[in-house]
Amino acid sequence: MDFNVLYRVLGVLGLIFIILGVLLRKKKQEDLAFICGGILLCIYSIYLKDAIFIVLQIVFTCAAIYDYFKKRTHKYYVND
């Protein structure tokens, strides 16, 4: 399999997860979708060797992970 195709598929899957995160109504699922999408897009940005995109994805993913674990213990997630 051509690695170019593999990385592009990972990029597309990352975008799909980000879109799903925007569309989901439950905060916990939204955060998990953002984390998955951010990681996949970070892998793709490393493949592209685009420093701005790499930093953006690292910050986005870290923010989503922080949000997930910070709010996980709050009543915010009780009904999710």
PDB file of N, CA and C in Angstrom:
ATOM      1  N   MET A   1       0.838  -1.185   0.000  1.00  0.00           N
ATOM      2  CA  MET A   1       0.000   0.000   0.000  1.00  0.00           C
ATOM      3  C   MET A   1       0.882   1.247   0.000  1.00  0.00           C
ATOM      4  N   ASP A   2       0.490   2.198  -0.763  1.00  0.00           N
ATOM      5  CA  ASP A   2       1.224   3.464  -0.852  1.00  0.00           C
ATOM      6  C   ASP A   2       0.996   4.270   0.430  1.00  0.00           C
ATOM      7  N   PHE A   3       2.092   4.692   1.074  1.00  0.00           N
ATOM      8  CA  PHE A   3       1.974   5.440   2.328  1.00  0.00           C
ATOM      9  C   PHE A   3       1.297   6.793   2.133  1.00  0.00           C
ATOM     10  N   ASN A   4       1.411   7.387   0.953  1.00  0.00           N
ATOM     11  CA  ASN A   4       0.722   8.654   0.681  1.00  0.00           C
ATOM     12  C   ASN A   4      -0.782   8.490   0.865  1.00  0.00           C
ATOM     13  N   VAL A   5      -1.300   7.391   0.354  1.00  0.00           N
ATOM     14  CA  VAL A   5      -2.741   7.113   0.466  1.00  0.00           C
ATOM     15  C   VAL A   5      -3.112   6.892   1.926  1.00  0.00           C
ATOM     16  N   LEU A   6      -2.289   6.162   2.651  1.00  0.00           N
ATOM     17  CA  LEU A   6      -2.565   5.889   4.065  1.00  0.00           C
ATOM     18  C   LEU A   6      -2.659   7.181   4.870  1.00  0.00           C
ATOM     19  N   TYR A   7      -1.703   8.077   4.684  1.00  0.00           N
ATOM     20  CA  TYR A   7      -1.719   9.341   5.431  1.00  0.00           C
ATOM     21  C   TYR A   7      -2.894  10.219   5.027  1.00  0.00           C
ATOM     22  N   ARG A   8      -3.257  10.200   3.776  1.00  0.00           N
ATOM     23  CA  ARG A   8      -4.426  10.978   3.335  1.00  0.00           C
ATOM     24  C   ARG A   8      -5.710  10.419   3.934  1.00  0.00           C
ATOM     25  N   VAL A   9      -5.804   9.099   4.027  1.00  0.00           N
ATOM     26  CA  VAL A   9      -6.978   8.476   4.657  1.00  0.00           C
ATOM     27  C   VAL A   9      -7.039   8.872   6.134  1.00  0.00           C
ATOM     28  N   LEU A  10      -5.886   8.877   6.808  1.00  0.00           N
ATOM     29  CA  LEU A  10      -5.862   9.304   8.212  1.00  0.00           C
ATOM     30  C   LEU A  10      -6.311  10.759   8.342  1.00  0.00           C
ATOM     31  N   GLY A  11      -5.884  11.608   7.410  1.00  0.00           N
ATOM     32  CA  GLY A  11      -6.305  13.005   7.420  1.00  0.00           C
ATOM     33  C   GLY A  11      -7.802  13.157   7.228  1.00  0.00           C
ATOM     34  N   VAL A  12      -8.346  12.389   6.291  1.00  0.00           N
ATOM     35  CA  VAL A  12      -9.792  12.446   6.042  1.00  0.00           C
ATOM     36  C   VAL A  12     -10.559  11.927   7.254  1.00  0.00           C
ATOM     37  N   LEU A  13     -10.098  10.844   7.851  1.00  0.00           N
ATOM     38  CA  LEU A  13     -10.758  10.322   9.058  1.00  0.00           C
ATOM     39  C   LEU A  13     -10.699  11.347  10.195  1.00  0.00           C
ATOM     40  N   GLY A  14      -9.576  12.043  10.309  1.00  0.00           N
ATOM     41  CA  GLY A  14      -9.464  13.094  11.318  1.00  0.00           C
ATOM     42  C   GLY A  14     -10.492  14.186  11.109  1.00  0.00           C
ATOM     43  N   LEU A  15     -10.652  14.591   9.859  1.00  0.00           N
ATOM     44  CA  LEU A  15     -11.673  15.612   9.551  1.00  0.00           C
ATOM     45  C   LEU A  15     -13.078  15.114   9.878  1.00  0.00           C
ATOM     46  N   ILE A  16     -13.346  13.857   9.563  1.00  0.00           N
ATOM     47  CA  ILE A  16     -14.668  13.279   9.844  1.00  0.00           C
ATOM     48  C   ILE A  16     -14.934  13.286  11.349  1.00  0.00           C
ATOM     49  N   PHE A  17     -13.925  12.916  12.149  1.00  0.00           N
ATOM     50  CA  PHE A  17     -14.102  12.929  13.606  1.00  0.00           C
ATOM     51  C   PHE A  17     -14.350  14.347  14.124  1.00  0.00           C
ATOM     52  N   ILE A  18     -13.635  15.323  13.593  1.00  0.00           N
ATOM     53  CA  ILE A  18     -13.843  16.713  14.015  1.00  0.00           C
ATOM     54  C   ILE A  18     -15.259  17.166  13.665  1.00  0.00           C
ATOM     55  N   ILE A  19     -15.718  16.842  12.464  1.00  0.00           N
ATOM     56  CA  ILE A  19     -17.079  17.196  12.051  1.00  0.00           C
ATOM     57  C   ILE A  19     -18.098  16.525  12.953  1.00  0.00           C
ATOM     58  N   LEU A  20     -17.882  15.234  13.267  1.00  0.00           N
ATOM     59  CA  LEU A  20     -18.797  14.536  14.175  1.00  0.00           C
ATOM     60  C   LEU A  20     -18.810  15.196  15.552  1.00  0.00           C
ATOM     61  N   GLY A  21     -17.649  15.635  16.009  1.00  0.00           N
ATOM     62  CA  GLY A  21     -17.575  16.314  17.298  1.00  0.00           C
ATOM     63  C   GLY A  21     -18.409  17.579  17.329  1.00  0.00           C
ATOM     64  N   VAL A  22     -18.431  18.293  16.231  1.00  0.00           N
ATOM     65  CA  VAL A  22     -19.239  19.514  16.146  1.00  0.00           C
ATOM     66  C   VAL A  22     -20.726  19.169  16.146  1.00  0.00           C
ATOM     67  N   LEU A  23     -21.088  18.073  15.510  1.00  0.00           N
ATOM     68  CA  LEU A  23     -22.498  17.709  15.367  1.00  0.00           C
ATOM     69  C   LEU A  23     -23.071  16.980  16.587  1.00  0.00           C
ATOM     70  N   LEU A  24     -22.229  16.353  17.381  1.00  0.00           N
ATOM     71  CA  LEU A  24     -22.714  15.595  18.536  1.00  0.00           C
ATOM     72  C   LEU A  24     -23.271  16.524  19.603  1.00  0.00           C
ATOM     73  N   ARG A  25     -24.270  16.058  20.278  1.00  0.00           N
ATOM     74  CA  ARG A  25     -24.935  16.871  21.301  1.00  0.00           C
ATOM     75  C   ARG A  25     -24.410  16.579  22.707  1.00  0.00           C
ATOM     76  N   LYS A  26     -23.798  15.425  22.917  1.00  0.00           N
ATOM     77  CA  LYS A  26     -23.306  15.067  24.246  1.00  0.00           C
ATOM     78  C   LYS A  26     -21.843  15.459  24.364  1.00  0.00           C
ATOM     79  N   LYS A  27     -21.530  16.225  25.390  1.00  0.00           N
ATOM     80  CA  LYS A  27     -20.204  16.809  25.555  1.00  0.00           C
ATOM     81  C   LYS A  27     -19.096  15.757  25.641  1.00  0.00           C
ATOM     82  N   LYS A  28     -19.349  14.668  26.343  1.00  0.00           N
ATOM     83  CA  LYS A  28     -18.325  13.636  26.499  1.00  0.00           C
ATOM     84  C   LYS A  28     -17.976  13.026  25.143  1.00  0.00           C
ATOM     85  N   GLN A  29     -18.987  12.689  24.357  1.00  0.00           N
ATOM     86  CA  GLN A  29     -18.754  12.119  23.025  1.00  0.00           C
ATOM     87  C   GLN A  29     -18.097  13.142  22.105  1.00  0.00           C
ATOM     88  N   GLU A  30     -18.492  14.389  22.261  1.00  0.00           N
ATOM     89  CA  GLU A  30     -17.898  15.468  21.469  1.00  0.00           C
ATOM     90  C   GLU A  30     -16.398  15.570  21.743  1.00  0.00           C
ATOM     91  N   ASP A  31     -16.023  15.563  23.017  1.00  0.00           N
ATOM     92  CA  ASP A  31     -14.609  15.650  23.379  1.00  0.00           C
ATOM     93  C   ASP A  31     -13.820  14.457  22.851  1.00  0.00           C
ATOM     94  N   LEU A  32     -14.375  13.260  22.953  1.00  0.00           N
ATOM     95  CA  LEU A  32     -13.688  12.068  22.449  1.00  0.00           C
ATOM     96  C   LEU A  32     -13.502  12.133  20.937  1.00  0.00           C
ATOM     97  N   ALA A  33     -14.497  12.625  20.235  1.00  0.00           N
ATOM     98  CA  ALA A  33     -14.377  12.784  18.781  1.00  0.00           C
ATOM     99  C   ALA A  33     -13.302  13.811  18.441  1.00  0.00           C
ATOM    100  N   PHE A  34     -13.243  14.911  19.194  1.00  0.00           N
ATOM    101  CA  PHE A  34     -12.208  15.926  18.977  1.00  0.00           C
ATOM    102  C   PHE A  34     -10.811  15.364  19.245  1.00  0.00           C
ATOM    103  N   ILE A  35     -10.683  14.557  20.285  1.00  0.00           N
ATOM    104  CA  ILE A  35      -9.386  13.955  20.601  1.00  0.00           C
ATOM    105  C   ILE A  35      -8.937  13.027  19.472  1.00  0.00           C
ATOM    106  N   CYS A  36      -9.818  12.135  19.035  1.00  0.00           N
ATOM    107  CA  CYS A  36      -9.477  11.207  17.943  1.00  0.00           C
ATOM    108  C   CYS A  36      -9.145  11.968  16.661  1.00  0.00           C
ATOM    109  N   GLY A  37      -9.972  12.923  16.324  1.00  0.00           N
ATOM    110  CA  GLY A  37      -9.747  13.712  15.115  1.00  0.00           C
ATOM    111  C   GLY A  37      -8.462  14.506  15.186  1.00  0.00           C
ATOM    112  N   GLY A  38      -8.185  15.082  16.345  1.00  0.00           N
ATOM    113  CA  GLY A  38      -6.966  15.855  16.523  1.00  0.00           C
ATOM    114  C   GLY A  38      -5.712  15.008  16.392  1.00  0.00           C
ATOM    115  N   ILE A  39      -5.747  13.808  16.952  1.00  0.00           N
ATOM    116  CA  ILE A  39      -4.592  12.910  16.849  1.00  0.00           C
ATOM    117  C   ILE A  39      -4.355  12.498  15.398  1.00  0.00           C
ATOM    118  N   LEU A  40      -5.430  12.137  14.702  1.00  0.00           N
ATOM    119  CA  LEU A  40      -5.285  11.727  13.303  1.00  0.00           C
ATOM    120  C   LEU A  40      -4.789  12.877  12.431  1.00  0.00           C
ATOM    121  N   LEU A  41      -5.317  14.066  12.657  1.00  0.00           N
ATOM    122  CA  LEU A  41      -4.851  15.215  11.879  1.00  0.00           C
ATOM    123  C   LEU A  41      -3.422  15.614  12.262  1.00  0.00           C
ATOM    124  N   CYS A  42      -3.021  15.365  13.492  1.00  0.00           N
ATOM    125  CA  CYS A  42      -1.643  15.630  13.898  1.00  0.00           C
ATOM    126  C   CYS A  42      -0.690  14.690  13.157  1.00  0.00           C
ATOM    127  N   ILE A  43      -1.052  13.427  13.046  1.00  0.00           N
ATOM    128  CA  ILE A  43      -0.244  12.474  12.278  1.00  0.00           C
ATOM    129  C   ILE A  43      -0.129  12.929  10.832  1.00  0.00           C
ATOM    130  N   TYR A  44      -1.245  13.356  10.264  1.00  0.00           N
ATOM    131  CA  TYR A  44      -1.235  13.833   8.878  1.00  0.00           C
ATOM    132  C   TYR A  44      -0.380  15.092   8.722  1.00  0.00           C
ATOM    133  N   SER A  45      -0.455  15.996   9.690  1.00  0.00           N
ATOM    134  CA  SER A  45       0.338  17.225   9.595  1.00  0.00           C
ATOM    135  C   SER A  45       1.832  16.938   9.734  1.00  0.00           C
ATOM    136  N   ILE A  46       2.195  15.942  10.519  1.00  0.00           N
ATOM    137  CA  ILE A  46       3.601  15.536  10.614  1.00  0.00           C
ATOM    138  C   ILE A  46       4.060  14.974   9.275  1.00  0.00           C
ATOM    139  N   TYR A  47       3.208  14.192   8.638  1.00  0.00           N
ATOM    140  CA  TYR A  47       3.505  13.679   7.298  1.00  0.00           C
ATOM    141  C   TYR A  47       3.725  14.831   6.307  1.00  0.00           C
ATOM    142  N   LEU A  48       2.902  15.870   6.414  1.00  0.00           N
ATOM    143  CA  LEU A  48       3.036  17.027   5.523  1.00  0.00           C
ATOM    144  C   LEU A  48       4.257  17.887   5.862  1.00  0.00           C
ATOM    145  N   LYS A  49       4.780  17.742   7.081  1.00  0.00           N
ATOM    146  CA  LYS A  49       5.903  18.547   7.571  1.00  0.00           C
ATOM    147  C   LYS A  49       5.564  20.036   7.592  1.00  0.00           C
ATOM    148  N   ASP A  50       4.328  20.330   7.984  1.00  0.00           N
ATOM    149  CA  ASP A  50       3.851  21.709   8.075  1.00  0.00           C
ATOM    150  C   ASP A  50       3.864  22.128   9.545  1.00  0.00           C
ATOM    151  N   ALA A  51       4.860  22.929   9.927  1.00  0.00           N
ATOM    152  CA  ALA A  51       5.065  23.282  11.330  1.00  0.00           C
ATOM    153  C   ALA A  51       3.854  23.975  11.951  1.00  0.00           C
ATOM    154  N   ILE A  52       3.223  24.869  11.223  1.00  0.00           N
ATOM    155  CA  ILE A  52       2.060  25.586  11.756  1.00  0.00           C
ATOM    156  C   ILE A  52       0.912  24.615  12.016  1.00  0.00           C
ATOM    157  N   PHE A  53       0.662  23.723  11.083  1.00  0.00           N
ATOM    158  CA  PHE A  53      -0.413  22.740  11.216  1.00  0.00           C
ATOM    159  C   PHE A  53      -0.101  21.758  12.347  1.00  0.00           C
ATOM    160  N   ILE A  54       1.160  21.382  12.512  1.00  0.00           N
ATOM    161  CA  ILE A  54       1.554  20.469  13.593  1.00  0.00           C
ATOM    162  C   ILE A  54       1.268  21.114  14.949  1.00  0.00           C
ATOM    163  N   VAL A  55       1.714  22.352  15.123  1.00  0.00           N
ATOM    164  CA  VAL A  55       1.494  23.055  16.393  1.00  0.00           C
ATOM    165  C   VAL A  55       0.003  23.234  16.655  1.00  0.00           C
ATOM    166  N   LEU A  56      -0.740  23.615  15.638  1.00  0.00           N
ATOM    167  CA  LEU A  56      -2.184  23.782  15.774  1.00  0.00           C
ATOM    168  C   LEU A  56      -2.842  22.495  16.259  1.00  0.00           C
ATOM    169  N   GLN A  57      -2.487  21.380  15.661  1.00  0.00           N
ATOM    170  CA  GLN A  57      -3.114  20.106  16.030  1.00  0.00           C
ATOM    171  C   GLN A  57      -2.695  19.646  17.417  1.00  0.00           C
ATOM    172  N   ILE A  58      -1.457  19.896  17.790  1.00  0.00           N
ATOM    173  CA  ILE A  58      -1.018  19.531  19.143  1.00  0.00           C
ATOM    174  C   ILE A  58      -1.784  20.346  20.182  1.00  0.00           C
ATOM    175  N   VAL A  59      -1.914  21.643  19.955  1.00  0.00           N
ATOM    176  CA  VAL A  59      -2.645  22.504  20.896  1.00  0.00           C
ATOM    177  C   VAL A  59      -4.119  22.104  20.940  1.00  0.00           C
ATOM    178  N   PHE A  60      -4.723  21.878  19.773  1.00  0.00           N
ATOM    179  CA  PHE A  60      -6.134  21.481  19.715  1.00  0.00           C
ATOM    180  C   PHE A  60      -6.365  20.171  20.464  1.00  0.00           C
ATOM    181  N   THR A  61      -5.512  19.191  20.229  1.00  0.00           N
ATOM    182  CA  THR A  61      -5.660  17.886  20.869  1.00  0.00           C
ATOM    183  C   THR A  61      -5.449  17.985  22.372  1.00  0.00           C
ATOM    184  N   CYS A  62      -4.442  18.729  22.798  1.00  0.00           N
ATOM    185  CA  CYS A  62      -4.207  18.914  24.238  1.00  0.00           C
ATOM    186  C   CYS A  62      -5.384  19.618  24.905  1.00  0.00           C
ATOM    187  N   ALA A  63      -5.961  20.610  24.234  1.00  0.00           N
ATOM    188  CA  ALA A  63      -7.130  21.313  24.780  1.00  0.00           C
ATOM    189  C   ALA A  63      -8.320  20.368  24.908  1.00  0.00           C
ATOM    190  N   ALA A  64      -8.515  19.509  23.914  1.00  0.00           N
ATOM    191  CA  ALA A  64      -9.626  18.553  23.965  1.00  0.00           C
ATOM    192  C   ALA A  64      -9.413  17.532  25.080  1.00  0.00           C
ATOM    193  N   ILE A  65      -8.180  17.071  25.249  1.00  0.00           N
ATOM    194  CA  ILE A  65      -7.882  16.122  26.332  1.00  0.00           C
ATOM    195  C   ILE A  65      -8.085  16.793  27.688  1.00  0.00           C
ATOM    196  N   TYR A  66      -7.602  18.011  27.827  1.00  0.00           N
ATOM    197  CA  TYR A  66      -7.794  18.759  29.077  1.00  0.00           C
ATOM    198  C   TYR A  66      -9.283  18.934  29.378  1.00  0.00           C
ATOM    199  N   ASP A  67     -10.044  19.338  28.375  1.00  0.00           N
ATOM    200  CA  ASP A  67     -11.483  19.541  28.542  1.00  0.00           C
ATOM    201  C   ASP A  67     -12.172  18.250  28.944  1.00  0.00           C
ATOM    202  N   TYR A  68     -11.791  17.157  28.337  1.00  0.00           N
ATOM    203  CA  TYR A  68     -12.395  15.855  28.642  1.00  0.00           C
ATOM    204  C   TYR A  68     -12.155  15.474  30.102  1.00  0.00           C
ATOM    205  N   PHE A  69     -10.902  15.551  30.548  1.00  0.00           N
ATOM    206  CA  PHE A  69     -10.594  15.120  31.907  1.00  0.00           C
ATOM    207  C   PHE A  69     -11.025  16.138  32.961  1.00  0.00           C
ATOM    208  N   LYS A  70     -11.016  17.407  32.629  1.00  0.00           N
ATOM    209  CA  LYS A  70     -11.442  18.433  33.592  1.00  0.00           C
ATOM    210  C   LYS A  70     -12.932  18.324  33.874  1.00  0.00           C
ATOM    211  N   LYS A  71     -13.710  18.170  32.841  1.00  0.00           N
ATOM    212  CA  LYS A  71     -15.163  18.166  33.007  1.00  0.00           C
ATOM    213  C   LYS A  71     -15.726  16.781  33.282  1.00  0.00           C
ATOM    214  N   ARG A  72     -14.902  15.757  33.190  1.00  0.00           N
ATOM    215  CA  ARG A  72     -15.383  14.393  33.397  1.00  0.00           C
ATOM    216  C   ARG A  72     -15.899  14.174  34.809  1.00  0.00           C
ATOM    217  N   THR A  73     -15.328  14.851  35.765  1.00  0.00           N
ATOM    218  CA  THR A  73     -15.734  14.667  37.160  1.00  0.00           C
ATOM    219  C   THR A  73     -16.870  15.603  37.568  1.00  0.00           C
ATOM    220  N   HIS A  74     -17.206  16.555  36.724  1.00  0.00           N
ATOM    221  CA  HIS A  74     -18.259  17.511  37.052  1.00  0.00           C
ATOM    222  C   HIS A  74     -19.631  16.922  36.748  1.00  0.00           C
ATOM    223  N   LYS A  75     -20.649  17.524  37.301  1.00  0.00           N
ATOM    224  CA  LYS A  75     -22.008  17.104  37.021  1.00  0.00           C
ATOM    225  C   LYS A  75     -22.379  17.321  35.558  1.00  0.00           C
ATOM    226  N   TYR A  76     -21.521  18.078  34.852  1.00  0.00           N
ATOM    227  CA  TYR A  76     -21.731  18.369  33.430  1.00  0.00           C
ATOM    228  C   TYR A  76     -21.892  17.090  32.624  1.00  0.00           C
ATOM    229  N   TYR A  77     -21.183  16.024  33.026  1.00  0.00           N
ATOM    230  CA  TYR A  77     -21.191  14.770  32.299  1.00  0.00           C
ATOM    231  C   TYR A  77     -22.139  13.732  32.886  1.00  0.00           C
ATOM    232  N   VAL A  78     -22.794  14.037  33.967  1.00  0.00           N
ATOM    233  CA  VAL A  78     -23.598  13.034  34.656  1.00  0.00           C
ATOM    234  C   VAL A  78     -24.623  12.391  33.729  1.00  0.00           C
ATOM    235  N   ASN A  79     -25.272  13.165  32.887  1.00  0.00           N
ATOM    236  CA  ASN A  79     -26.304  12.623  32.022  1.00  0.00           C
ATOM    237  C   ASN A  79     -25.809  12.239  30.634  1.00  0.00           C
ATOM    238  N   ASP A  80     -24.518  12.348  30.369  1.00  0.00           N
ATOM    239  CA  ASP A  80     -23.970  11.966  29.062  1.00  0.00           C
ATOM    240  C   ASP A  80     -23.750  10.489  28.952  1.00  0.00           C
TER     241      ASP A  80
END
